[in-house]
């Protein structure tokens, strides 16, 4: 049996980020390489956490994953990401095309 419990989520502080268009770009397949427009769009775009850039000379202590972790910690410190005041349950959904000619599908979590 699943145990479902509220928690204090971490999310963007929308009051300080400005308009959504400035910092939120969809991660289409052609943008997932981690280069170009998505990275340049805004310094707080989520792609910096989920798809860091590889660099020449990456090592065990300095690589796309360690840089992503550093970015995450910095965003918490700078209040780009803020913790909810109260424990909550969060509902999410994702709509996608199943590429079989049927209507778009939606998953809930």
PDB file of N, CA and C in Angstrom:
ATOM      1  N   UNK A   1       0.845  -1.175   0.000  1.00  0.00           N
ATOM      2  CA  UNK A   1       0.000   0.000   0.000  1.00  0.00           C
ATOM      3  C   UNK A   1       0.894   1.245   0.000  1.00  0.00           C
ATOM      4  N   UNK A   2       0.537   2.189  -0.822  1.00  0.00           N
ATOM      5  CA  UNK A   2       1.283   3.448  -0.889  1.00  0.00           C
ATOM      6  C   UNK A   2       0.988   4.311   0.325  1.00  0.00           C
ATOM      7  N   UNK A   3       2.014   4.984   0.797  1.00  0.00           N
ATOM      8  CA  UNK A   3       1.849   5.948   1.882  1.00  0.00           C
ATOM      9  C   UNK A   3       1.911   7.334   1.244  1.00  0.00           C
ATOM     10  N   UNK A   4       0.833   8.069   1.392  1.00  0.00           N
ATOM     11  CA  UNK A   4       0.756   9.411   0.831  1.00  0.00           C
ATOM     12  C   UNK A   4       0.751  10.400   1.989  1.00  0.00           C
ATOM     13  N   UNK A   5       1.714  11.321   1.966  1.00  0.00           N
ATOM     14  CA  UNK A   5       1.825  12.279   3.063  1.00  0.00           C
ATOM     15  C   UNK A   5       2.158  13.661   2.506  1.00  0.00           C
ATOM     16  N   UNK A   6       1.612  14.700   3.086  1.00  0.00           N
ATOM     17  CA  UNK A   6       1.939  16.058   2.640  1.00  0.00           C
ATOM     18  C   UNK A   6       3.390  16.393   2.987  1.00  0.00           C
ATOM     19  N   UNK A   7       3.966  17.298   2.212  1.00  0.00           N
ATOM     20  CA  UNK A   7       5.326  17.759   2.469  1.00  0.00           C
ATOM     21  C   UNK A   7       5.443  19.221   2.055  1.00  0.00           C
ATOM     22  N   UNK A   8       6.483  19.880   2.531  1.00  0.00           N
ATOM     23  CA  UNK A   8       6.714  21.279   2.189  1.00  0.00           C
ATOM     24  C   UNK A   8       7.501  21.326   0.882  1.00  0.00           C
ATOM     25  N   UNK A   9       6.790  21.540  -0.190  1.00  0.00           N
ATOM     26  CA  UNK A   9       7.396  21.525  -1.516  1.00  0.00           C
ATOM     27  C   UNK A   9       8.303  22.714  -1.766  1.00  0.00           C
ATOM     28  N   UNK A  10       9.140  22.570  -2.763  1.00  0.00           N
ATOM     29  CA  UNK A  10      10.049  23.612  -3.192  1.00  0.00           C
ATOM     30  C   UNK A  10       9.641  24.031  -4.591  1.00  0.00           C
ATOM     31  N   UNK A  11       9.448  25.335  -4.798  1.00  0.00           N
ATOM     32  CA  UNK A  11       8.970  25.812  -6.098  1.00  0.00           C
ATOM     33  C   UNK A  11       9.555  27.183  -6.400  1.00  0.00           C
ATOM     34  N   UNK A  12       9.422  27.589  -7.647  1.00  0.00           N
ATOM     35  CA  UNK A  12       9.866  28.923  -8.036  1.00  0.00           C
ATOM     36  C   UNK A  12       9.123  29.985  -7.234  1.00  0.00           C
ATOM     37  N   UNK A  13       9.825  31.078  -6.910  1.00  0.00           N
ATOM     38  CA  UNK A  13       9.182  32.248  -6.339  1.00  0.00           C
ATOM     39  C   UNK A  13       8.717  33.109  -7.513  1.00  0.00           C
ATOM     40  N   UNK A  14       7.488  32.918  -7.905  1.00  0.00           N
ATOM     41  CA  UNK A  14       6.956  33.576  -9.096  1.00  0.00           C
ATOM     42  C   UNK A  14       6.925  35.095  -8.978  1.00  0.00           C
ATOM     43  N   UNK A  15       6.900  35.622  -7.765  1.00  0.00           N
ATOM     44  CA  UNK A  15       6.852  37.071  -7.569  1.00  0.00           C
ATOM     45  C   UNK A  15       8.144  37.748  -8.030  1.00  0.00           C
ATOM     46  N   UNK A  16       9.271  37.056  -7.911  1.00  0.00           N
ATOM     47  CA  UNK A  16      10.548  37.681  -8.248  1.00  0.00           C
ATOM     48  C   UNK A  16      11.071  37.334  -9.638  1.00  0.00           C
ATOM     49  N   UNK A  17      10.486  36.348 -10.300  1.00  0.00           N
ATOM     50  CA  UNK A  17      11.018  35.907 -11.592  1.00  0.00           C
ATOM     51  C   UNK A  17      10.498  36.692 -12.782  1.00  0.00           C
ATOM     52  N   UNK A  18       9.489  37.493 -12.601  1.00  0.00           N
ATOM     53  CA  UNK A  18       8.940  38.231 -13.733  1.00  0.00           C
ATOM     54  C   UNK A  18       7.962  37.372 -14.516  1.00  0.00           C
ATOM     55  N   UNK A  19       7.745  37.750 -15.753  1.00  0.00           N
ATOM     56  CA  UNK A  19       6.770  37.037 -16.565  1.00  0.00           C
ATOM     57  C   UNK A  19       7.249  35.630 -16.882  1.00  0.00           C
ATOM     58  N   UNK A  20       6.331  34.714 -16.939  1.00  0.00           N
ATOM     59  CA  UNK A  20       6.660  33.319 -17.214  1.00  0.00           C
ATOM     60  C   UNK A  20       7.357  33.170 -18.558  1.00  0.00           C
ATOM     61  N   UNK A  21       6.980  33.960 -19.504  1.00  0.00           N
ATOM     62  CA  UNK A  21       7.564  33.865 -20.843  1.00  0.00           C
ATOM     63  C   UNK A  21       9.077  34.101 -20.808  1.00  0.00           C
ATOM     64  N   UNK A  22       9.529  34.898 -19.870  1.00  0.00           N
ATOM     65  CA  UNK A  22      10.952  35.226 -19.793  1.00  0.00           C
ATOM     66  C   UNK A  22      11.800  34.054 -19.310  1.00  0.00           C
ATOM     67  N   UNK A  23      11.262  33.206 -18.453  1.00  0.00           N
ATOM     68  CA  UNK A  23      12.109  32.157 -17.862  1.00  0.00           C
ATOM     69  C   UNK A  23      11.639  30.743 -18.130  1.00  0.00           C
ATOM     70  N   UNK A  24      10.473  30.554 -18.678  1.00  0.00           N
ATOM     71  CA  UNK A  24       9.967  29.203 -18.912  1.00  0.00           C
ATOM     72  C   UNK A  24       9.852  28.951 -20.394  1.00  0.00           C
ATOM     73  N   UNK A  25      10.683  28.062 -20.921  1.00  0.00           N
ATOM     74  CA  UNK A  25      10.573  27.646 -22.316  1.00  0.00           C
ATOM     75  C   UNK A  25      10.324  26.151 -22.340  1.00  0.00           C
ATOM     76  N   UNK A  26       9.444  25.682 -23.192  1.00  0.00           N
ATOM     77  CA  UNK A  26       9.206  24.242 -23.271  1.00  0.00           C
ATOM     78  C   UNK A  26      10.457  23.509 -23.718  1.00  0.00           C
ATOM     79  N   UNK A  27      10.630  22.301 -23.199  1.00  0.00           N
ATOM     80  CA  UNK A  27      11.807  21.512 -23.538  1.00  0.00           C
ATOM     81  C   UNK A  27      11.474  20.560 -24.669  1.00  0.00           C
ATOM     82  N   UNK A  28      11.414  21.092 -25.869  1.00  0.00           N
ATOM     83  CA  UNK A  28      11.153  20.253 -27.027  1.00  0.00           C
ATOM     84  C   UNK A  28      12.380  19.436 -27.347  1.00  0.00           C
ATOM     85  N   UNK A  29      12.202  18.403 -28.147  1.00  0.00           N
ATOM     86  CA  UNK A  29      13.313  17.498 -28.484  1.00  0.00           C
ATOM     87  C   UNK A  29      14.509  18.232 -29.076  1.00  0.00           C
ATOM     88  N   UNK A  30      14.253  19.234 -29.903  1.00  0.00           N
ATOM     89  CA  UNK A  30      15.367  19.934 -30.542  1.00  0.00           C
ATOM     90  C   UNK A  30      16.116  20.841 -29.578  1.00  0.00           C
ATOM     91  N   UNK A  31      15.600  21.039 -28.381  1.00  0.00           N
ATOM     92  CA  UNK A  31      16.259  21.900 -27.402  1.00  0.00           C
ATOM     93  C   UNK A  31      16.917  21.106 -26.281  1.00  0.00           C
ATOM     94  N   UNK A  32      16.761  19.814 -26.254  1.00  0.00           N
ATOM     95  CA  UNK A  32      17.223  19.010 -25.127  1.00  0.00           C
ATOM     96  C   UNK A  32      18.725  18.800 -25.073  1.00  0.00           C
ATOM     97  N   UNK A  33      19.441  19.272 -26.039  1.00  0.00           N
ATOM     98  CA  UNK A  33      20.891  19.114 -26.013  1.00  0.00           C
ATOM     99  C   UNK A  33      21.535  20.036 -24.988  1.00  0.00           C
ATOM    100  N   UNK A  34      20.779  20.975 -24.463  1.00  0.00           N
ATOM    101  CA  UNK A  34      21.312  21.863 -23.444  1.00  0.00           C
ATOM    102  C   UNK A  34      22.105  23.030 -23.999  1.00  0.00           C
ATOM    103  N   UNK A  35      21.912  23.351 -25.227  1.00  0.00           N
ATOM    104  CA  UNK A  35      22.616  24.477 -25.809  1.00  0.00           C
ATOM    105  C   UNK A  35      21.614  25.442 -26.396  1.00  0.00           C
ATOM    106  N   UNK A  36      22.064  26.637 -26.652  1.00  0.00           N
ATOM    107  CA  UNK A  36      21.255  27.568 -27.409  1.00  0.00           C
ATOM    108  C   UNK A  36      20.209  28.324 -26.636  1.00  0.00           C
ATOM    109  N   UNK A  37      19.071  28.435 -27.257  1.00  0.00           N
ATOM    110  CA  UNK A  37      18.010  29.343 -26.840  1.00  0.00           C
ATOM    111  C   UNK A  37      17.528  29.128 -25.406  1.00  0.00           C
ATOM    112  N   UNK A  38      17.386  27.905 -24.981  1.00  0.00           N
ATOM    113  CA  UNK A  38      16.850  27.649 -23.644  1.00  0.00           C
ATOM    114  C   UNK A  38      17.798  28.176 -22.577  1.00  0.00           C
ATOM    115  N   UNK A  39      19.083  27.930 -22.733  1.00  0.00           N
ATOM    116  CA  UNK A  39      20.051  28.426 -21.757  1.00  0.00           C
ATOM    117  C   UNK A  39      20.139  29.945 -21.767  1.00  0.00           C
ATOM    118  N   UNK A  40      20.044  30.543 -22.921  1.00  0.00           N
ATOM    119  CA  UNK A  40      20.154  32.002 -23.022  1.00  0.00           C
ATOM    120  C   UNK A  40      18.885  32.721 -22.588  1.00  0.00           C
ATOM    121  N   UNK A  41      17.758  32.048 -22.579  1.00  0.00           N
ATOM    122  CA  UNK A  41      16.470  32.694 -22.316  1.00  0.00           C
ATOM    123  C   UNK A  41      16.408  33.347 -20.939  1.00  0.00           C
ATOM    124  N   UNK A  42      16.926  32.656 -19.919  1.00  0.00           N
ATOM    125  CA  UNK A  42      16.850  33.186 -18.560  1.00  0.00           C
ATOM    126  C   UNK A  42      17.814  32.403 -17.681  1.00  0.00           C
ATOM    127  N   UNK A  43      18.510  33.055 -16.775  1.00  0.00           N
ATOM    128  CA  UNK A  43      19.478  32.348 -15.928  1.00  0.00           C
ATOM    129  C   UNK A  43      18.832  31.368 -14.953  1.00  0.00           C
ATOM    130  N   UNK A  44      17.518  31.456 -14.775  1.00  0.00           N
ATOM    131  CA  UNK A  44      16.837  30.559 -13.844  1.00  0.00           C
ATOM    132  C   UNK A  44      15.940  29.555 -14.546  1.00  0.00           C
ATOM    133  N   UNK A  45      16.229  29.253 -15.797  1.00  0.00           N
ATOM    134  CA  UNK A  45      15.443  28.250 -16.506  1.00  0.00           C
ATOM    135  C   UNK A  45      15.732  26.876 -15.926  1.00  0.00           C
ATOM    136  N   UNK A  46      14.711  26.076 -15.769  1.00  0.00           N
ATOM    137  CA  UNK A  46      14.817  24.763 -15.140  1.00  0.00           C
ATOM    138  C   UNK A  46      15.778  23.830 -15.870  1.00  0.00           C
ATOM    139  N   UNK A  47      16.065  24.092 -17.127  1.00  0.00           N
ATOM    140  CA  UNK A  47      16.992  23.223 -17.861  1.00  0.00           C
ATOM    141  C   UNK A  47      18.367  23.194 -17.207  1.00  0.00           C
ATOM    142  N   UNK A  48      18.733  24.235 -16.496  1.00  0.00           N
ATOM    143  CA  UNK A  48      20.027  24.267 -15.810  1.00  0.00           C
ATOM    144  C   UNK A  48      20.102  23.231 -14.696  1.00  0.00           C
ATOM    145  N   UNK A  49      18.952  22.797 -14.207  1.00  0.00           N
ATOM    146  CA  UNK A  49      18.928  21.758 -13.170  1.00  0.00           C
ATOM    147  C   UNK A  49      18.796  20.363 -13.756  1.00  0.00           C
ATOM    148  N   UNK A  50      18.032  20.222 -14.825  1.00  0.00           N
ATOM    149  CA  UNK A  50      17.726  18.871 -15.312  1.00  0.00           C
ATOM    150  C   UNK A  50      18.574  18.421 -16.494  1.00  0.00           C
ATOM    151  N   UNK A  51      19.237  19.348 -17.167  1.00  0.00           N
ATOM    152  CA  UNK A  51      20.038  18.969 -18.320  1.00  0.00           C
ATOM    153  C   UNK A  51      21.226  19.915 -18.451  1.00  0.00           C
ATOM    154  N   UNK A  52      22.177  19.752 -17.541  1.00  0.00           N
ATOM    155  CA  UNK A  52      23.350  20.610 -17.540  1.00  0.00           C
ATOM    156  C   UNK A  52      24.232  20.392 -18.750  1.00  0.00           C
ATOM    157  N   UNK A  53      25.005  21.417 -19.075  1.00  0.00           N
ATOM    158  CA  UNK A  53      25.916  21.332 -20.216  1.00  0.00           C
ATOM    159  C   UNK A  53      27.164  20.542 -19.837  1.00  0.00           C
ATOM    160  N   UNK A  54      27.622  19.714 -20.755  1.00  0.00           N
ATOM    161  CA  UNK A  54      28.916  19.052 -20.610  1.00  0.00           C
ATOM    162  C   UNK A  54      29.996  20.039 -21.046  1.00  0.00           C
ATOM    163  N   UNK A  55      31.138  19.982 -20.368  1.00  0.00           N
ATOM    164  CA  UNK A  55      32.245  20.854 -20.721  1.00  0.00           C
ATOM    165  C   UNK A  55      33.506  20.030 -20.897  1.00  0.00           C
ATOM    166  N   UNK A  56      34.372  20.507 -21.761  1.00  0.00           N
ATOM    167  CA  UNK A  56      35.672  19.861 -21.922  1.00  0.00           C
ATOM    168  C   UNK A  56      36.382  19.910 -20.576  1.00  0.00           C
ATOM    169  N   UNK A  57      36.947  18.798 -20.166  1.00  0.00           N
ATOM    170  CA  UNK A  57      37.659  18.756 -18.896  1.00  0.00           C
ATOM    171  C   UNK A  57      36.791  18.390 -17.709  1.00  0.00           C
ATOM    172  N   UNK A  58      35.532  17.989 -17.946  1.00  0.00           N
ATOM    173  CA  UNK A  58      34.693  17.551 -16.829  1.00  0.00           C
ATOM    174  C   UNK A  58      35.413  16.461 -16.039  1.00  0.00           C
ATOM    175  N   UNK A  59      35.216  16.490 -14.725  1.00  0.00           N
ATOM    176  CA  UNK A  59      35.863  15.519 -13.849  1.00  0.00           C
ATOM    177  C   UNK A  59      34.847  14.996 -12.844  1.00  0.00           C
ATOM    178  N   UNK A  60      35.295  14.133 -11.943  1.00  0.00           N
ATOM    179  CA  UNK A  60      34.400  13.600 -10.913  1.00  0.00           C
ATOM    180  C   UNK A  60      33.895  14.701  -9.985  1.00  0.00           C
ATOM    181  N   UNK A  61      34.647  15.759  -9.783  1.00  0.00           N
ATOM    182  CA  UNK A  61      34.273  16.809  -8.841  1.00  0.00           C
ATOM    183  C   UNK A  61      33.734  18.067  -9.533  1.00  0.00           C
ATOM    184  N   UNK A  62      33.829  18.130 -10.854  1.00  0.00           N
ATOM    185  CA  UNK A  62      33.283  19.260 -11.604  1.00  0.00           C
ATOM    186  C   UNK A  62      32.717  18.727 -12.913  1.00  0.00           C
ATOM    187  N   UNK A  63      31.401  18.522 -12.933  1.00  0.00           N
ATOM    188  CA  UNK A  63      30.736  17.992 -14.115  1.00  0.00           C
ATOM    189  C   UNK A  63      29.308  18.518 -14.148  1.00  0.00           C
ATOM    190  N   UNK A  64      28.563  18.126 -15.165  1.00  0.00           N
ATOM    191  CA  UNK A  64      27.206  18.664 -15.324  1.00  0.00           C
ATOM    192  C   UNK A  64      26.318  18.391 -14.114  1.00  0.00           C
ATOM    193  N   UNK A  65      26.551  17.301 -13.402  1.00  0.00           N
ATOM    194  CA  UNK A  65      25.726  16.967 -12.235  1.00  0.00           C
ATOM    195  C   UNK A  65      26.123  17.779 -11.001  1.00  0.00           C
ATOM    196  N   UNK A  66      27.417  17.955 -10.782  1.00  0.00           N
ATOM    197  CA  UNK A  66      27.847  18.761  -9.638  1.00  0.00           C
ATOM    198  C   UNK A  66      27.493  20.231  -9.859  1.00  0.00           C
ATOM    199  N   UNK A  67      27.605  20.701 -11.109  1.00  0.00           N
ATOM    200  CA  UNK A  67      27.213  22.086 -11.401  1.00  0.00           C
ATOM    201  C   UNK A  67      25.714  22.282 -11.225  1.00  0.00           C
ATOM    202  N   UNK A  68      24.925  21.280 -11.591  1.00  0.00           N
ATOM    203  CA  UNK A  68      23.488  21.347 -11.391  1.00  0.00           C
ATOM    204  C   UNK A  68      23.149  21.412  -9.898  1.00  0.00           C
ATOM    205  N   UNK A  69      23.827  20.596  -9.091  1.00  0.00           N
ATOM    206  CA  UNK A  69      23.605  20.613  -7.643  1.00  0.00           C
ATOM    207  C   UNK A  69      23.981  21.972  -7.052  1.00  0.00           C
ATOM    208  N   UNK A  70      25.103  22.544  -7.513  1.00  0.00           N
ATOM    209  CA  UNK A  70      25.508  23.870  -7.038  1.00  0.00           C
ATOM    210  C   UNK A  70      24.482  24.927  -7.417  1.00  0.00           C
ATOM    211  N   UNK A  71      23.963  24.830  -8.626  1.00  0.00           N
ATOM    212  CA  UNK A  71      22.944  25.763  -9.097  1.00  0.00           C
ATOM    213  C   UNK A  71      21.691  25.661  -8.224  1.00  0.00           C
ATOM    214  N   UNK A  72      21.272  24.430  -7.938  1.00  0.00           N
ATOM    215  CA  UNK A  72      20.092  24.198  -7.099  1.00  0.00           C
ATOM    216  C   UNK A  72      20.280  24.828  -5.716  1.00  0.00           C
ATOM    217  N   UNK A  73      21.436  24.602  -5.100  1.00  0.00           N
ATOM    218  CA  UNK A  73      21.714  25.182  -3.776  1.00  0.00           C
ATOM    219  C   UNK A  73      21.723  26.699  -3.831  1.00  0.00           C
ATOM    220  N   UNK A  74      22.316  27.257  -4.894  1.00  0.00           N
ATOM    221  CA  UNK A  74      22.366  28.714  -5.042  1.00  0.00           C
ATOM    222  C   UNK A  74      20.962  29.284  -5.189  1.00  0.00           C
ATOM    223  N   UNK A  75      20.115  28.625  -5.993  1.00  0.00           N
ATOM    224  CA  UNK A  75      18.741  29.107  -6.168  1.00  0.00           C
ATOM    225  C   UNK A  75      17.969  29.084  -4.852  1.00  0.00           C
ATOM    226  N   UNK A  76      18.217  28.078  -4.027  1.00  0.00           N
ATOM    227  CA  UNK A  76      17.581  28.051  -2.701  1.00  0.00           C
ATOM    228  C   UNK A  76      18.071  29.220  -1.855  1.00  0.00           C
ATOM    229  N   UNK A  77      19.358  29.455  -1.833  1.00  0.00           N
ATOM    230  CA  UNK A  77      19.956  30.531  -1.041  1.00  0.00           C
ATOM    231  C   UNK A  77      19.466  31.901  -1.499  1.00  0.00           C
ATOM    232  N   UNK A  78      19.337  32.063  -2.811  1.00  0.00           N
ATOM    233  CA  UNK A  78      18.924  33.356  -3.386  1.00  0.00           C
ATOM    234  C   UNK A  78      17.409  33.506  -3.458  1.00  0.00           C
ATOM    235  N   UNK A  79      16.670  32.542  -2.927  1.00  0.00           N
ATOM    236  CA  UNK A  79      15.202  32.551  -2.929  1.00  0.00           C
ATOM    237  C   UNK A  79      14.593  32.550  -4.330  1.00  0.00           C
ATOM    238  N   UNK A  80      15.312  32.006  -5.294  1.00  0.00           N
ATOM    239  CA  UNK A  80      14.706  31.727  -6.600  1.00  0.00           C
ATOM    240  C   UNK A  80      13.719  30.582  -6.405  1.00  0.00           C
ATOM    241  N   UNK A  81      14.139  29.601  -5.607  1.00  0.00           N
ATOM    242  CA  UNK A  81      13.269  28.499  -5.193  1.00  0.00           C
ATOM    243  C   UNK A  81      12.941  28.693  -3.724  1.00  0.00           C
ATOM    244  N   UNK A  82      11.664  28.588  -3.402  1.00  0.00           N
ATOM    245  CA  UNK A  82      11.244  28.784  -2.009  1.00  0.00           C
ATOM    246  C   UNK A  82      10.456  27.570  -1.519  1.00  0.00           C
ATOM    247  N   UNK A  83      10.574  27.316  -0.244  1.00  0.00           N
ATOM    248  CA  UNK A  83       9.895  26.193   0.396  1.00  0.00           C
ATOM    249  C   UNK A  83       8.495  26.642   0.810  1.00  0.00           C
ATOM    250  N   UNK A  84       7.507  25.793   0.587  1.00  0.00           N
ATOM    251  CA  UNK A  84       6.142  26.097   1.014  1.00  0.00           C
ATOM    252  C   UNK A  84       6.089  26.256   2.524  1.00  0.00           C
ATOM    253  N   UNK A  85       5.224  27.111   2.965  1.00  0.00           N
ATOM    254  CA  UNK A  85       5.085  27.346   4.405  1.00  0.00           C
ATOM    255  C   UNK A  85       4.408  26.170   5.094  1.00  0.00           C
ATOM    256  N   UNK A  86       3.458  25.551   4.412  1.00  0.00           N
ATOM    257  CA  UNK A  86       2.687  24.469   5.011  1.00  0.00           C
ATOM    258  C   UNK A  86       2.861  23.180   4.202  1.00  0.00           C
ATOM    259  N   UNK A  87       2.864  22.032   4.868  1.00  0.00           N
ATOM    260  CA  UNK A  87       2.878  20.769   4.135  1.00  0.00           C
ATOM    261  C   UNK A  87       1.634  20.668   3.252  1.00  0.00           C
ATOM    262  N   UNK A  88       1.825  20.177   2.043  1.00  0.00           N
ATOM    263  CA  UNK A  88       0.730  20.092   1.079  1.00  0.00           C
ATOM    264  C   UNK A  88       0.869  18.833   0.234  1.00  0.00           C
ATOM    265  N   UNK A  89      -0.199  18.506  -0.468  1.00  0.00           N
ATOM    266  CA  UNK A  89      -0.161  17.476  -1.505  1.00  0.00           C
ATOM    267  C   UNK A  89      -0.189  18.211  -2.838  1.00  0.00           C
ATOM    268  N   UNK A  90       0.578  17.755  -3.806  1.00  0.00           N
ATOM    269  CA  UNK A  90       0.714  18.431  -5.087  1.00  0.00           C
ATOM    270  C   UNK A  90       0.195  17.531  -6.194  1.00  0.00           C
ATOM    271  N   UNK A  91      -0.675  18.073  -7.006  1.00  0.00           N
ATOM    272  CA  UNK A  91      -1.231  17.331  -8.132  1.00  0.00           C
ATOM    273  C   UNK A  91      -0.561  17.855  -9.395  1.00  0.00           C
ATOM    274  N   UNK A  92      -0.104  16.942 -10.238  1.00  0.00           N
ATOM    275  CA  UNK A  92       0.504  17.327 -11.502  1.00  0.00           C
ATOM    276  C   UNK A  92      -0.166  16.586 -12.636  1.00  0.00           C
ATOM    277  N   UNK A  93      -0.052  17.148 -13.827  1.00  0.00           N
ATOM    278  CA  UNK A  93      -0.531  16.441 -15.007  1.00  0.00           C
ATOM    279  C   UNK A  93       0.407  16.739 -16.169  1.00  0.00           C
ATOM    280  N   UNK A  94       0.436  15.828 -17.095  1.00  0.00           N
ATOM    281  CA  UNK A  94       1.275  15.955 -18.282  1.00  0.00           C
ATOM    282  C   UNK A  94       0.449  15.476 -19.471  1.00  0.00           C
ATOM    283  N   UNK A  95       0.301  16.320 -20.471  1.00  0.00           N
ATOM    284  CA  UNK A  95      -0.429  15.955 -21.683  1.00  0.00           C
ATOM    285  C   UNK A  95       0.582  15.682 -22.788  1.00  0.00           C
ATOM    286  N   UNK A  96       0.379  14.595 -23.511  1.00  0.00           N
ATOM    287  CA  UNK A  96       1.322  14.223 -24.551  1.00  0.00           C
ATOM    288  C   UNK A  96       0.605  13.550 -25.711  1.00  0.00           C
ATOM    289  N   UNK A  97       1.275  13.559 -26.851  1.00  0.00           N
ATOM    290  CA  UNK A  97       0.775  12.913 -28.060  1.00  0.00           C
ATOM    291  C   UNK A  97       1.348  11.506 -28.100  1.00  0.00           C
ATOM    292  N   UNK A  98       0.501  10.503 -28.190  1.00  0.00           N
ATOM    293  CA  UNK A  98       0.963   9.114 -28.191  1.00  0.00           C
ATOM    294  C   UNK A  98       1.449   8.662 -29.569  1.00  0.00           C
ATOM    295  N   UNK A  99       1.364   9.544 -30.555  1.00  0.00           N
ATOM    296  CA  UNK A  99       1.825   9.259 -31.926  1.00  0.00           C
ATOM    297  C   UNK A  99       1.155   8.046 -32.558  1.00  0.00           C
ATOM    298  N   UNK A 100      -0.076   7.763 -32.154  1.00  0.00           N
ATOM    299  CA  UNK A 100      -0.801   6.645 -32.777  1.00  0.00           C
ATOM    300  C   UNK A 100      -2.074   7.120 -33.468  1.00  0.00           C
ATOM    301  N   UNK A 101      -2.194   8.433 -33.636  1.00  0.00           N
ATOM    302  CA  UNK A 101      -3.361   8.990 -34.305  1.00  0.00           C
ATOM    303  C   UNK A 101      -4.534   9.260 -33.372  1.00  0.00           C
ATOM    304  N   UNK A 102      -4.434   8.870 -32.129  1.00  0.00           N
ATOM    305  CA  UNK A 102      -5.528   9.095 -31.191  1.00  0.00           C
ATOM    306  C   UNK A 102      -5.403  10.490 -30.568  1.00  0.00           C
ATOM    307  N   UNK A 103      -6.400  10.832 -29.767  1.00  0.00           N
ATOM    308  CA  UNK A 103      -6.391  12.113 -29.072  1.00  0.00           C
ATOM    309  C   UNK A 103      -5.200  12.184 -28.104  1.00  0.00           C
ATOM    310  N   UNK A 104      -4.755  13.390 -27.773  1.00  0.00           N
ATOM    311  CA  UNK A 104      -3.679  13.508 -26.790  1.00  0.00           C
ATOM    312  C   UNK A 104      -4.059  12.821 -25.467  1.00  0.00           C
ATOM    313  N   UNK A 105      -3.080  12.268 -24.802  1.00  0.00           N
ATOM    314  CA  UNK A 105      -3.282  11.564 -23.539  1.00  0.00           C
ATOM    315  C   UNK A 105      -2.831  12.471 -22.387  1.00  0.00           C
ATOM    316  N   UNK A 106      -3.405  12.241 -21.229  1.00  0.00           N
ATOM    317  CA  UNK A 106      -3.007  12.988 -20.036  1.00  0.00           C
ATOM    318  C   UNK A 106      -2.704  12.018 -18.907  1.00  0.00           C
ATOM    319  N   UNK A 107      -1.562  12.225 -18.262  1.00  0.00           N
ATOM    320  CA  UNK A 107      -1.189  11.442 -17.083  1.00  0.00           C
ATOM    321  C   UNK A 107      -1.273  12.354 -15.871  1.00  0.00           C
ATOM    322  N   UNK A 108      -1.723  11.804 -14.772  1.00  0.00           N
ATOM    323  CA  UNK A 108      -1.840  12.537 -13.517  1.00  0.00           C
ATOM    324  C   UNK A 108      -0.907  11.932 -12.482  1.00  0.00           C
ATOM    325  N   UNK A 109      -0.406  12.763 -11.616  1.00  0.00           N
ATOM    326  CA  UNK A 109       0.451  12.260 -10.538  1.00  0.00           C
ATOM    327  C   UNK A 109       0.222  13.033  -9.274  1.00  0.00           C
TER     328      UNK A 109
END
